Amino acid sequence: YGLLGAIEGVSYLAVVGIAGAGLVSKASKGTGLPAGPLGLLGLSEGLSFLSLLLAVLVFPLKEFGVVGDPQTAAVDVPALAAAVGEVVSPLVASLVAAVTSAVEQIDLPQGSLDGGSLPDLSAVISSLHLP
């Protein structure tokens, strides 16, 4: 398996370790792991639980031949992914356009922050109207 297999194995250990720590924290303290700096620990905990859920779903489907080899699988995953991409792509494009339009409408006061105070953004935020 080489280097790629070793990296894959370490990633499995990291996912199981983070999810296990989250479960132990949930059982002992009643809450999961703290968010950590920039919310990265909480994000990694959530992604670890999500990846474990997907593994529990995909590995049995692969064993039963539902997904896997495109010639023998019951579900054509590349075709399904392409179809999902055709549906999701316009939605993402419209979301990006809406966010870009909203950001372009923000009129922040010009000025320097050297020795000055930050501008009051509450009026700017309250005046935002998304399309």
Foldseek 3Di string as FASTA:
>chain_A
DPPVVVVVVVVLVVLCVLLVQQVVCCVPVVGGDDLPVVRVSVVSNVVSVVVVVVCVVVVVQVVVQCDDDCVRHVDNVVVVVVVVCVVVVVVVVVVVVQVVVQVVPQDDDDDDPVVDDDDDCPVSVVPGDTD
